[in-house]
Amino acid sequence: MTSALSYRARFHCLLAVVAVLWAGLLSGQRSVNLLGGVGERAAPTLVNPRASAASEAFVLDRNLIFFEASVNGAPGSFILDTGAPTLVVNNRGGGDNDSRFTGLGAGGQVSLTDHRVDHFEMLDRSVDNYWAIGVDLRDMEIRTGKRIDGFVGYDLLNEGELRIDYHKQTFQLLASQRRPRHDGQLPRASLRFALADHLPVIELKIDGKRYRFAIDTGAGLNLLADWAAEKLAAEVVGASVNVQGLDGRAVDCPSVQLSMSEHFPGDEALQFVTTDLSHLQEAGDLPLAGILGSSFLSQYTVGIDYRRQKMHLW
């Protein structure tokens, strides 16, 4: 079987940072996790890929979706992360000697390995004999105080619609529908997206110009590129955010807000942390203006329909 890393000719970065909000004293802690673009890779063979209405409970901690899945017959704690290209497994340093790949991003350099998974199961679907990405997440476990066995990303979510009910703290993997309903209701808003590698990216027209934002359930905060914050004259608000990467390097990032009420339900301005997102830039594409994470998404029930390339908000 071909290894996972052999497909990653354009794997730009692995960013797994802990964002700590400072207001004179430590006022809270949130985690932001982003896996950057990947090249061609082998799609997993899913058992029962067109999932039924079965739902999985999760715990929203630091704006991250923690849920239980089974790895090689043992229960594990995973993060549901649309920013991850595939299944990522915490090797806890066990694969360092076999490291053949490096992720580079705002979170610093990290070693990536092939990680063989004999059997992985979540909800009513499973994969067998699958090559995942291995990475040492022990520092992240220490900073968050949570057990993290890995991330579940695009390859295991893209058969239809990923439906996340943040209020009930459940998610489902559903068949794509032309007119989806949630609790009998049509969406309050629906937006088309395009895939940049595995990342859903929407385009918003602001002040007559188009800006691209990625949708990432694994980002605890909303991120805004430095250049976009300047062009959009984002208002600086509150205290700065201290972002610490996997390499231990900490950077203070300004906290800003933007009004986007014409695009999304609700009147409140969106809060962002400004940072450098140039490592996510694809040659020939419009630059990525920002990332909409769970601090935005958790206001709604969210449907990400990969087949029809639409995001629904209830």
C-alpha atoms as a PDB file:
ATOM      1  CA  MET A   1       0.000   0.000   0.000  1.00  0.00           C
ATOM      2  CA  THR A   2       1.248   3.492  -0.820  1.00  0.00           C
ATOM      3  CA  SER A   3       2.159   5.508   2.272  1.00  0.00           C
ATOM      4  CA  ALA A   4       0.281   8.638   3.297  1.00  0.00           C
ATOM      5  CA  LEU A   5       3.243  10.983   3.045  1.00  0.00           C
ATOM      6  CA  SER A   6       4.061  10.002  -0.531  1.00  0.00           C
ATOM      7  CA  TYR A   7       0.898  11.857  -1.592  1.00  0.00           C
ATOM      8  CA  ARG A   8       1.853  15.105   0.112  1.00  0.00           C
ATOM      9  CA  ALA A   9       3.893  16.928  -2.532  1.00  0.00           C
ATOM     10  CA  ARG A  10       2.207  20.221  -1.575  1.00  0.00           C
ATOM     11  CA  PHE A  11       1.708  19.813   2.173  1.00  0.00           C
ATOM     12  CA  HIS A  12       2.497  23.413   3.113  1.00  0.00           C
ATOM     13  CA  CYS A  13       2.153  23.550   6.873  1.00  0.00           C
ATOM     14  CA  LEU A  14       0.960  22.095  10.090  1.00  0.00           C
ATOM     15  CA  LEU A  15      -0.210  24.733  12.519  1.00  0.00           C
ATOM     16  CA  ALA A  16      -1.323  23.671  15.957  1.00  0.00           C
ATOM     17  CA  VAL A  17      -1.230  26.589  18.357  1.00  0.00           C
ATOM     18  CA  VAL A  18      -2.720  27.493  21.685  1.00  0.00           C
ATOM     19  CA  ALA A  19      -4.165  30.996  21.769  1.00  0.00           C
ATOM     20  CA  VAL A  20      -4.142  32.529  25.229  1.00  0.00           C
ATOM     21  CA  LEU A  21      -6.215  35.653  25.882  1.00  0.00           C
ATOM     22  CA  TRP A  22      -4.494  38.175  28.131  1.00  0.00           C
ATOM     23  CA  ALA A  23      -6.246  41.091  29.793  1.00  0.00           C
ATOM     24  CA  GLY A  24      -3.616  42.063  32.307  1.00  0.00           C
ATOM     25  CA  LEU A  25      -4.183  38.668  33.944  1.00  0.00           C
ATOM     26  CA  LEU A  26      -4.803  35.343  32.248  1.00  0.00           C
ATOM     27  CA  SER A  27      -8.498  35.405  31.356  1.00  0.00           C
ATOM     28  CA  GLY A  28      -8.921  32.255  29.288  1.00  0.00           C
ATOM     29  CA  GLN A  29      -7.324  29.796  26.927  1.00  0.00           C
ATOM     30  CA  ARG A  30      -8.355  28.624  23.483  1.00  0.00           C
ATOM     31  CA  SER A  31      -6.731  26.327  20.950  1.00  0.00           C
ATOM     32  CA  VAL A  32      -6.405  26.914  17.221  1.00  0.00           C
ATOM     33  CA  ASN A  33      -5.522  23.986  15.003  1.00  0.00           C
ATOM     34  CA  LEU A  34      -5.016  24.120  11.270  1.00  0.00           C
ATOM     35  CA  LEU A  35      -3.614  21.649   8.787  1.00  0.00           C
ATOM     36  CA  GLY A  36      -2.587  23.268   5.536  1.00  0.00           C
ATOM     37  CA  GLY A  37      -3.004  22.093   1.971  1.00  0.00           C
ATOM     38  CA  VAL A  38      -2.121  18.656   0.686  1.00  0.00           C
ATOM     39  CA  GLY A  39      -1.589  17.276  -2.758  1.00  0.00           C
ATOM     40  CA  GLU A  40      -3.116  14.167  -4.307  1.00  0.00           C
ATOM     41  CA  ARG A  41      -3.639  11.290  -1.912  1.00  0.00           C
ATOM     42  CA  ALA A  42      -5.410   7.964  -1.806  1.00  0.00           C
ATOM     43  CA  ALA A  43      -8.993   8.270  -0.616  1.00  0.00           C
ATOM     44  CA  PRO A  44      -9.944   5.831   2.159  1.00  0.00           C
ATOM     45  CA  THR A  45     -12.340   3.018   1.400  1.00  0.00           C
ATOM     46  CA  LEU A  46     -15.287   3.776   3.667  1.00  0.00           C
ATOM     47  CA  VAL A  47     -17.645   1.154   4.994  1.00  0.00           C
ATOM     48  CA  ASN A  48     -21.219   2.548   4.791  1.00  0.00           C
ATOM     49  CA  PRO A  49     -20.007   5.927   3.461  1.00  0.00           C
ATOM     50  CA  ARG A  50     -23.506   7.374   2.939  1.00  0.00           C
ATOM     51  CA  ALA A  51     -24.250   7.721   6.593  1.00  0.00           C
ATOM     52  CA  SER A  52     -27.687   7.627   8.135  1.00  0.00           C
ATOM     53  CA  ALA A  53     -29.067  10.104  10.655  1.00  0.00           C
ATOM     54  CA  ALA A  54     -26.955   8.621  13.456  1.00  0.00           C
ATOM     55  CA  SER A  55     -25.439  11.362  15.600  1.00  0.00           C
ATOM     56  CA  GLU A  56     -22.275  11.587  17.678  1.00  0.00           C
ATOM     57  CA  ALA A  57     -22.111  13.553  20.914  1.00  0.00           C
ATOM     58  CA  PHE A  58     -19.184  15.890  21.450  1.00  0.00           C
ATOM     59  CA  VAL A  59     -17.745  18.202  24.061  1.00  0.00           C
ATOM     60  CA  LEU A  60     -16.903  21.759  23.014  1.00  0.00           C
ATOM     61  CA  ASP A  61     -13.760  22.664  24.945  1.00  0.00           C
ATOM     62  CA  ARG A  62     -11.688  25.757  24.071  1.00  0.00           C
ATOM     63  CA  ASN A  63     -13.946  25.997  21.019  1.00  0.00           C
ATOM     64  CA  LEU A  64     -12.710  22.603  19.784  1.00  0.00           C
ATOM     65  CA  ILE A  65     -14.983  19.638  19.058  1.00  0.00           C
ATOM     66  CA  PHE A  66     -13.801  16.630  21.099  1.00  0.00           C
ATOM     67  CA  PHE A  67     -15.494  13.293  20.452  1.00  0.00           C
ATOM     68  CA  GLU A  68     -14.796   9.617  20.971  1.00  0.00           C
ATOM     69  CA  ALA A  69     -13.755   7.329  18.124  1.00  0.00           C
ATOM     70  CA  SER A  70     -12.234   3.858  18.001  1.00  0.00           C
ATOM     71  CA  VAL A  71      -8.658   3.227  16.836  1.00  0.00           C
ATOM     72  CA  ASN A  72      -7.555  -0.378  16.413  1.00  0.00           C
ATOM     73  CA  GLY A  73     -10.334  -1.424  18.772  1.00  0.00           C
ATOM     74  CA  ALA A  74      -9.478   1.056  21.548  1.00  0.00           C
ATOM     75  CA  PRO A  75     -11.444   4.247  22.356  1.00  0.00           C
ATOM     76  CA  GLY A  76      -9.708   7.542  21.655  1.00  0.00           C
ATOM     77  CA  SER A  77     -10.364  11.267  22.022  1.00  0.00           C
ATOM     78  CA  PHE A  78     -10.320  13.075  18.667  1.00  0.00           C
ATOM     79  CA  ILE A  79     -10.928  16.609  17.388  1.00  0.00           C
ATOM     80  CA  LEU A  80     -13.335  17.120  14.473  1.00  0.00           C
ATOM     81  CA  ASP A  81     -11.278  19.332  12.184  1.00  0.00           C
ATOM     82  CA  THR A  82     -12.301  20.423   8.677  1.00  0.00           C
ATOM     83  CA  GLY A  83      -8.866  22.060   8.481  1.00  0.00           C
ATOM     84  CA  ALA A  84      -7.177  18.650   8.541  1.00  0.00           C
ATOM     85  CA  PRO A  85      -6.726  16.863   5.209  1.00  0.00           C
ATOM     86  CA  THR A  86      -7.100  13.348   6.572  1.00  0.00           C
ATOM     87  CA  LEU A  87      -6.821  11.298   9.755  1.00  0.00           C
ATOM     88  CA  VAL A  88      -4.035  12.635  11.977  1.00  0.00           C
ATOM     89  CA  VAL A  89      -2.855  10.441  14.853  1.00  0.00           C
ATOM     90  CA  ASN A  90      -0.886  11.489  17.936  1.00  0.00           C
ATOM     91  CA  ASN A  91       2.199   9.275  17.808  1.00  0.00           C
ATOM     92  CA  ARG A  92       3.465  10.739  21.110  1.00  0.00           C
ATOM     93  CA  GLY A  93       7.026  10.717  19.806  1.00  0.00           C
ATOM     94  CA  GLY A  94       6.957   7.061  18.853  1.00  0.00           C
ATOM     95  CA  GLY A  95       7.623   7.725  15.180  1.00  0.00           C
ATOM     96  CA  ASP A  96      10.360  10.369  15.488  1.00  0.00           C
ATOM     97  CA  ASN A  97      13.102   8.055  14.242  1.00  0.00           C
ATOM     98  CA  ASP A  98      11.067   7.379  11.104  1.00  0.00           C
ATOM     99  CA  SER A  99      10.285  11.028  10.393  1.00  0.00           C
ATOM    100  CA  ARG A 100      10.496  11.698   6.673  1.00  0.00           C
ATOM    101  CA  PHE A 101       8.515  14.905   6.376  1.00  0.00           C
ATOM    102  CA  THR A 102       8.350  18.287   8.038  1.00  0.00           C
ATOM    103  CA  GLY A 103       5.402  20.618   8.437  1.00  0.00           C
ATOM    104  CA  LEU A 104       6.209  24.306   8.506  1.00  0.00           C
ATOM    105  CA  GLY A 105       3.860  27.107   9.451  1.00  0.00           C
ATOM    106  CA  ALA A 106       3.081  29.744  12.025  1.00  0.00           C
ATOM    107  CA  GLY A 107       3.217  26.973  14.614  1.00  0.00           C
ATOM    108  CA  GLY A 108       6.859  26.230  13.844  1.00  0.00           C
ATOM    109  CA  GLN A 109       8.408  23.094  12.401  1.00  0.00           C
ATOM    110  CA  VAL A 110       6.992  19.703  13.301  1.00  0.00           C
ATOM    111  CA  SER A 111       8.021  16.218  12.236  1.00  0.00           C
ATOM    112  CA  LEU A 112       5.416  14.149  10.403  1.00  0.00           C
ATOM    113  CA  THR A 113       5.447  10.390   9.968  1.00  0.00           C
ATOM    114  CA  ASP A 114       3.531   7.620   8.278  1.00  0.00           C
ATOM    115  CA  HIS A 115       1.187   6.061  10.832  1.00  0.00           C
ATOM    116  CA  ARG A 116      -0.513   2.776   9.983  1.00  0.00           C
ATOM    117  CA  VAL A 117      -4.068   2.398  11.317  1.00  0.00           C
ATOM    118  CA  ASP A 118      -5.500  -1.111  11.067  1.00  0.00           C
ATOM    119  CA  HIS A 119      -9.055  -0.029  11.885  1.00  0.00           C
ATOM    120  CA  PHE A 120     -10.669   3.342  12.602  1.00  0.00           C
ATOM    121  CA  GLU A 121     -14.355   3.776  13.410  1.00  0.00           C
ATOM    122  CA  MET A 122     -16.607   6.765  14.054  1.00  0.00           C
ATOM    123  CA  LEU A 123     -20.381   6.951  13.959  1.00  0.00           C
ATOM    124  CA  ASP A 124     -21.467   4.108  11.645  1.00  0.00           C
ATOM    125  CA  ARG A 125     -18.531   4.224   9.248  1.00  0.00           C
ATOM    126  CA  SER A 126     -15.030   2.811   9.358  1.00  0.00           C
ATOM    127  CA  VAL A 127     -11.776   2.474   7.411  1.00  0.00           C
ATOM    128  CA  ASP A 128      -9.294  -0.399   7.425  1.00  0.00           C
ATOM    129  CA  ASN A 129      -5.578  -0.609   6.638  1.00  0.00           C
ATOM    130  CA  TYR A 130      -5.238   3.155   6.360  1.00  0.00           C
ATOM    131  CA  TRP A 131      -2.118   5.318   6.356  1.00  0.00           C
ATOM    132  CA  ALA A 132      -2.690   8.348   8.581  1.00  0.00           C
ATOM    133  CA  ILE A 133      -0.348  11.237   9.376  1.00  0.00           C
ATOM    134  CA  GLY A 134       1.530  10.809  12.644  1.00  0.00           C
ATOM    135  CA  VAL A 135       2.562  13.826  14.712  1.00  0.00           C
ATOM    136  CA  ASP A 136       3.624  14.308  18.326  1.00  0.00           C
ATOM    137  CA  LEU A 137       0.832  16.239  20.092  1.00  0.00           C
ATOM    138  CA  ARG A 138       2.016  15.762  23.684  1.00  0.00           C
ATOM    139  CA  ASP A 139       2.843  19.456  24.161  1.00  0.00           C
ATOM    140  CA  MET A 140      -0.622  20.368  22.956  1.00  0.00           C
ATOM    141  CA  GLU A 141      -2.115  17.881  25.419  1.00  0.00           C
ATOM    142  CA  ILE A 142      -0.186  19.534  28.242  1.00  0.00           C
ATOM    143  CA  ARG A 143      -1.234  23.057  27.243  1.00  0.00           C
ATOM    144  CA  THR A 144      -4.900  22.164  26.814  1.00  0.00           C
ATOM    145  CA  GLY A 145      -5.084  19.709  29.713  1.00  0.00           C
ATOM    146  CA  LYS A 146      -6.898  17.281  27.417  1.00  0.00           C
ATOM    147  CA  ARG A 147      -6.064  13.889  25.968  1.00  0.00           C
ATOM    148  CA  ILE A 148      -5.771  14.292  22.187  1.00  0.00           C
ATOM    149  CA  ASP A 149      -5.397  11.132  20.141  1.00  0.00           C
ATOM    150  CA  GLY A 150      -5.617  13.024  16.851  1.00  0.00           C
ATOM    151  CA  PHE A 151      -7.757  14.933  14.363  1.00  0.00           C
ATOM    152  CA  VAL A 152     -10.423  13.681  11.959  1.00  0.00           C
ATOM    153  CA  GLY A 153     -10.389  15.620   8.705  1.00  0.00           C
ATOM    154  CA  TYR A 154     -11.538  15.889   5.124  1.00  0.00           C
ATOM    155  CA  ASP A 155     -10.914  12.349   3.835  1.00  0.00           C
ATOM    156  CA  LEU A 156     -13.354  10.915   6.378  1.00  0.00           C
ATOM    157  CA  LEU A 157     -15.978  13.671   6.084  1.00  0.00           C
ATOM    158  CA  ASN A 158     -16.364  14.483   2.396  1.00  0.00           C
ATOM    159  CA  GLU A 159     -18.939  11.955   1.155  1.00  0.00           C
ATOM    160  CA  GLY A 160     -21.919  14.223   1.846  1.00  0.00           C
ATOM    161  CA  GLU A 161     -22.861  16.792   4.471  1.00  0.00           C
ATOM    162  CA  LEU A 162     -21.208  17.290   7.840  1.00  0.00           C
ATOM    163  CA  ARG A 163     -23.942  18.662  10.138  1.00  0.00           C
ATOM    164  CA  ILE A 164     -22.790  20.182  13.455  1.00  0.00           C
ATOM    165  CA  ASP A 165     -25.368  21.234  16.052  1.00  0.00           C
ATOM    166  CA  TYR A 166     -23.308  23.321  18.468  1.00  0.00           C
ATOM    167  CA  HIS A 167     -26.292  23.911  20.773  1.00  0.00           C
ATOM    168  CA  LYS A 168     -27.051  20.209  21.257  1.00  0.00           C
ATOM    169  CA  GLN A 169     -23.347  19.336  20.915  1.00  0.00           C
ATOM    170  CA  THR A 170     -23.889  16.592  18.349  1.00  0.00           C
ATOM    171  CA  PHE A 171     -22.738  16.062  14.773  1.00  0.00           C
ATOM    172  CA  GLN A 172     -23.922  13.867  11.908  1.00  0.00           C
ATOM    173  CA  LEU A 173     -22.594  12.651   8.571  1.00  0.00           C
ATOM    174  CA  LEU A 174     -25.541  12.909   6.191  1.00  0.00           C
ATOM    175  CA  ALA A 175     -26.321  12.345   2.542  1.00  0.00           C
ATOM    176  CA  SER A 176     -26.287  15.548   0.480  1.00  0.00           C
ATOM    177  CA  GLN A 177     -29.712  17.158  -0.029  1.00  0.00           C
ATOM    178  CA  ARG A 178     -30.785  19.958  -2.353  1.00  0.00           C
ATOM    179  CA  ARG A 179     -33.055  21.546   0.266  1.00  0.00           C
ATOM    180  CA  PRO A 180     -31.760  20.408   3.663  1.00  0.00           C
ATOM    181  CA  ARG A 181     -33.749  20.979   6.830  1.00  0.00           C
ATOM    182  CA  HIS A 182     -32.746  20.952  10.475  1.00  0.00           C
ATOM    183  CA  ASP A 183     -35.483  20.350  13.034  1.00  0.00           C
ATOM    184  CA  GLY A 184     -37.906  20.983  10.184  1.00  0.00           C
ATOM    185  CA  GLN A 185     -36.438  24.389   9.311  1.00  0.00           C
ATOM    186  CA  LEU A 186     -34.701  25.561   6.136  1.00  0.00           C
ATOM    187  CA  PRO A 187     -31.298  27.262   6.602  1.00  0.00           C
ATOM    188  CA  ARG A 188     -31.212  30.921   7.596  1.00  0.00           C
ATOM    189  CA  ALA A 189     -28.335  31.358   5.144  1.00  0.00           C
ATOM    190  CA  SER A 190     -26.573  29.225   2.526  1.00  0.00           C
ATOM    191  CA  LEU A 191     -23.221  30.104   0.965  1.00  0.00           C
ATOM    192  CA  ARG A 192     -21.363  28.421  -1.855  1.00  0.00           C
ATOM    193  CA  PHE A 193     -17.763  27.420  -1.296  1.00  0.00           C
ATOM    194  CA  ALA A 194     -14.869  26.111  -3.349  1.00  0.00           C
ATOM    195  CA  LEU A 195     -12.284  23.640  -2.140  1.00  0.00           C
ATOM    196  CA  ALA A 196      -8.708  24.875  -1.853  1.00  0.00           C
ATOM    197  CA  ASP A 197      -7.169  21.423  -1.593  1.00  0.00           C
ATOM    198  CA  HIS A 198      -9.355  20.123   1.260  1.00  0.00           C
ATOM    199  CA  LEU A 199     -10.334  23.480   2.804  1.00  0.00           C
ATOM    200  CA  PRO A 200     -13.843  24.874   2.160  1.00  0.00           C
ATOM    201  CA  VAL A 201     -13.333  28.503   1.099  1.00  0.00           C
ATOM    202  CA  ILE A 202     -16.137  31.043   0.733  1.00  0.00           C
ATOM    203  CA  GLU A 203     -15.922  34.403  -1.050  1.00  0.00           C
ATOM    204  CA  LEU A 204     -17.420  37.490   0.573  1.00  0.00           C
ATOM    205  CA  LYS A 205     -17.843  40.855  -1.126  1.00  0.00           C
ATOM    206  CA  ILE A 206     -16.815  43.599   1.287  1.00  0.00           C
ATOM    207  CA  ASP A 207     -16.624  47.265   0.242  1.00  0.00           C
ATOM    208  CA  GLY A 208     -16.916  46.201  -3.389  1.00  0.00           C
ATOM    209  CA  LYS A 209     -14.003  43.750  -3.285  1.00  0.00           C
ATOM    210  CA  ARG A 210     -13.944  39.963  -2.903  1.00  0.00           C
ATOM    211  CA  TYR A 211     -12.214  38.289   0.026  1.00  0.00           C
ATOM    212  CA  ARG A 212     -11.667  34.556   0.585  1.00  0.00           C
ATOM    213  CA  PHE A 213     -12.264  32.938   3.990  1.00  0.00           C
ATOM    214  CA  ALA A 214     -11.626  29.300   4.878  1.00  0.00           C
ATOM    215  CA  ILE A 215     -14.070  27.375   7.082  1.00  0.00           C
ATOM    216  CA  ASP A 216     -12.232  25.472   9.810  1.00  0.00           C
ATOM    217  CA  THR A 217     -13.931  23.695  12.721  1.00  0.00           C
ATOM    218  CA  GLY A 218     -10.473  23.038  14.167  1.00  0.00           C
ATOM    219  CA  ALA A 219      -9.719  26.744  14.590  1.00  0.00           C
ATOM    220  CA  GLY A 220     -10.891  27.902  17.998  1.00  0.00           C
ATOM    221  CA  LEU A 221     -10.635  31.556  16.984  1.00  0.00           C
ATOM    222  CA  ASN A 222     -11.349  33.521  13.820  1.00  0.00           C
ATOM    223  CA  LEU A 223      -8.097  34.491  12.093  1.00  0.00           C
ATOM    224  CA  LEU A 224      -7.609  37.517   9.824  1.00  0.00           C
ATOM    225  CA  ALA A 225      -4.572  37.977   7.588  1.00  0.00           C
ATOM    226  CA  ASP A 226      -2.468  41.029   8.406  1.00  0.00           C
ATOM    227  CA  TRP A 227      -2.971  42.516   4.945  1.00  0.00           C
ATOM    228  CA  ALA A 228      -6.756  42.023   5.110  1.00  0.00           C
ATOM    229  CA  ALA A 229      -6.985  43.706   8.508  1.00  0.00           C
ATOM    230  CA  GLU A 230      -5.237  46.749   7.034  1.00  0.00           C
ATOM    231  CA  LYS A 231      -7.324  46.891   3.848  1.00  0.00           C
ATOM    232  CA  LEU A 232     -10.606  46.414   5.684  1.00  0.00           C
ATOM    233  CA  ALA A 233      -9.677  48.918   8.393  1.00  0.00           C
ATOM    234  CA  ALA A 234     -10.523  46.366  11.079  1.00  0.00           C
ATOM    235  CA  GLU A 235     -11.121  47.965  14.463  1.00  0.00           C
ATOM    236  CA  VAL A 236      -8.628  46.979  17.162  1.00  0.00           C
ATOM    237  CA  VAL A 237     -10.499  45.850  20.273  1.00  0.00           C
ATOM    238  CA  GLY A 238      -9.578  44.444  23.663  1.00  0.00           C
ATOM    239  CA  ALA A 239      -6.334  42.777  24.619  1.00  0.00           C
ATOM    240  CA  SER A 240      -3.899  41.089  22.284  1.00  0.00           C
ATOM    241  CA  VAL A 241      -3.839  37.314  21.925  1.00  0.00           C
ATOM    242  CA  ASN A 242      -0.705  35.342  22.741  1.00  0.00           C
ATOM    243  CA  VAL A 243      -0.309  32.570  20.168  1.00  0.00           C
ATOM    244  CA  GLN A 244       2.101  29.771  21.031  1.00  0.00           C
ATOM    245  CA  GLY A 245       3.162  27.292  18.385  1.00  0.00           C
ATOM    246  CA  LEU A 246       4.287  23.691  18.576  1.00  0.00           C
ATOM    247  CA  ASP A 247       7.873  24.941  18.657  1.00  0.00           C
ATOM    248  CA  GLY A 248       7.106  26.854  21.872  1.00  0.00           C
ATOM    249  CA  ARG A 249       7.521  30.275  20.239  1.00  0.00           C
ATOM    250  CA  ALA A 250       4.926  32.807  21.396  1.00  0.00           C
ATOM    251  CA  VAL A 251       3.694  35.786  19.381  1.00  0.00           C
ATOM    252  CA  ASP A 252       1.325  38.536  20.521  1.00  0.00           C
ATOM    253  CA  CYS A 253      -1.373  39.145  17.880  1.00  0.00           C
ATOM    254  CA  PRO A 254      -3.824  42.069  17.820  1.00  0.00           C
ATOM    255  CA  SER A 255      -7.515  41.373  18.379  1.00  0.00           C
ATOM    256  CA  VAL A 256      -9.838  43.140  15.916  1.00  0.00           C
ATOM    257  CA  GLN A 257     -13.480  43.139  14.880  1.00  0.00           C
ATOM    258  CA  LEU A 258     -15.347  43.398  11.567  1.00  0.00           C
ATOM    259  CA  SER A 259     -19.030  43.822  10.808  1.00  0.00           C
ATOM    260  CA  MET A 260     -20.316  41.091   8.475  1.00  0.00           C
ATOM    261  CA  SER A 261     -24.033  41.320   9.164  1.00  0.00           C
ATOM    262  CA  GLU A 262     -24.828  41.549   5.428  1.00  0.00           C
ATOM    263  CA  HIS A 263     -23.385  38.059   4.897  1.00  0.00           C
ATOM    264  CA  PHE A 264     -24.386  36.123   8.019  1.00  0.00           C
ATOM    265  CA  PRO A 265     -27.412  35.982  10.345  1.00  0.00           C
ATOM    266  CA  GLY A 266     -27.000  38.202  13.390  1.00  0.00           C
ATOM    267  CA  ASP A 267     -25.926  41.793  13.968  1.00  0.00           C
ATOM    268  CA  GLU A 268     -22.827  41.369  16.129  1.00  0.00           C
ATOM    269  CA  ALA A 269     -19.413  42.191  14.688  1.00  0.00           C
ATOM    270  CA  LEU A 270     -17.071  39.212  14.323  1.00  0.00           C
ATOM    271  CA  GLN A 271     -13.970  39.049  16.493  1.00  0.00           C
ATOM    272  CA  PHE A 272     -10.683  38.103  14.797  1.00  0.00           C
ATOM    273  CA  VAL A 273      -7.051  37.610  15.698  1.00  0.00           C
ATOM    274  CA  THR A 274      -4.692  39.024  13.063  1.00  0.00           C
ATOM    275  CA  THR A 275      -1.781  36.877  11.930  1.00  0.00           C
ATOM    276  CA  ASP A 276       0.356  35.952   8.929  1.00  0.00           C
ATOM    277  CA  LEU A 277      -1.479  33.459   6.687  1.00  0.00           C
ATOM    278  CA  SER A 278       0.937  33.611   3.756  1.00  0.00           C
ATOM    279  CA  HIS A 279       1.947  29.957   4.284  1.00  0.00           C
ATOM    280  CA  LEU A 280      -1.545  28.984   3.092  1.00  0.00           C
ATOM    281  CA  GLN A 281      -1.257  30.867  -0.191  1.00  0.00           C
ATOM    282  CA  GLU A 282      -1.597  28.811  -3.382  1.00  0.00           C
ATOM    283  CA  ALA A 283       0.182  30.060  -6.491  1.00  0.00           C
ATOM    284  CA  GLY A 284      -2.277  31.755  -8.832  1.00  0.00           C
ATOM    285  CA  ASP A 285      -5.093  31.957  -6.275  1.00  0.00           C
ATOM    286  CA  LEU A 286      -6.452  35.033  -4.564  1.00  0.00           C
ATOM    287  CA  PRO A 287      -4.818  35.297  -1.140  1.00  0.00           C
ATOM    288  CA  LEU A 288      -6.676  33.926   1.857  1.00  0.00           C
ATOM    289  CA  ALA A 289      -8.087  36.834   3.870  1.00  0.00           C
ATOM    290  CA  GLY A 290      -8.943  34.813   6.935  1.00  0.00           C
ATOM    291  CA  ILE A 291     -10.268  31.707   8.620  1.00  0.00           C
ATOM    292  CA  LEU A 292     -13.704  31.429  10.199  1.00  0.00           C
ATOM    293  CA  GLY A 293     -13.356  29.117  13.172  1.00  0.00           C
ATOM    294  CA  SER A 294     -15.561  27.787  15.920  1.00  0.00           C
ATOM    295  CA  SER A 295     -15.921  31.132  17.703  1.00  0.00           C
ATOM    296  CA  PHE A 296     -18.035  32.071  14.660  1.00  0.00           C
ATOM    297  CA  LEU A 297     -19.460  28.674  13.696  1.00  0.00           C
ATOM    298  CA  SER A 298     -20.636  27.836  17.226  1.00  0.00           C
ATOM    299  CA  GLN A 299     -23.337  30.523  16.976  1.00  0.00           C
ATOM    300  CA  TYR A 300     -25.212  28.258  14.553  1.00  0.00           C
ATOM    301  CA  THR A 301     -26.045  24.764  13.515  1.00  0.00           C
ATOM    302  CA  VAL A 302     -23.682  24.348  10.564  1.00  0.00           C
ATOM    303  CA  GLY A 303     -23.986  22.104   7.531  1.00  0.00           C
ATOM    304  CA  ILE A 304     -20.924  21.675   5.300  1.00  0.00           C
ATOM    305  CA  ASP A 305     -22.103  19.880   2.174  1.00  0.00           C
ATOM    306  CA  TYR A 306     -18.962  18.745   0.377  1.00  0.00           C
ATOM    307  CA  ARG A 307     -20.839  17.188  -2.536  1.00  0.00           C
ATOM    308  CA  ARG A 308     -22.825  20.333  -3.424  1.00  0.00           C
ATOM    309  CA  GLN A 309     -20.127  22.647  -2.044  1.00  0.00           C
ATOM    310  CA  LYS A 310     -22.496  24.664   0.114  1.00  0.00           C
ATOM    311  CA  MET A 311     -22.358  25.791   3.733  1.00  0.00           C
ATOM    312  CA  HIS A 312     -25.716  26.095   5.506  1.00  0.00           C
ATOM    313  CA  LEU A 313     -26.385  28.046   8.698  1.00  0.00           C
ATOM    314  CA  TRP A 314     -29.424  27.515  10.941  1.00  0.00           C
END
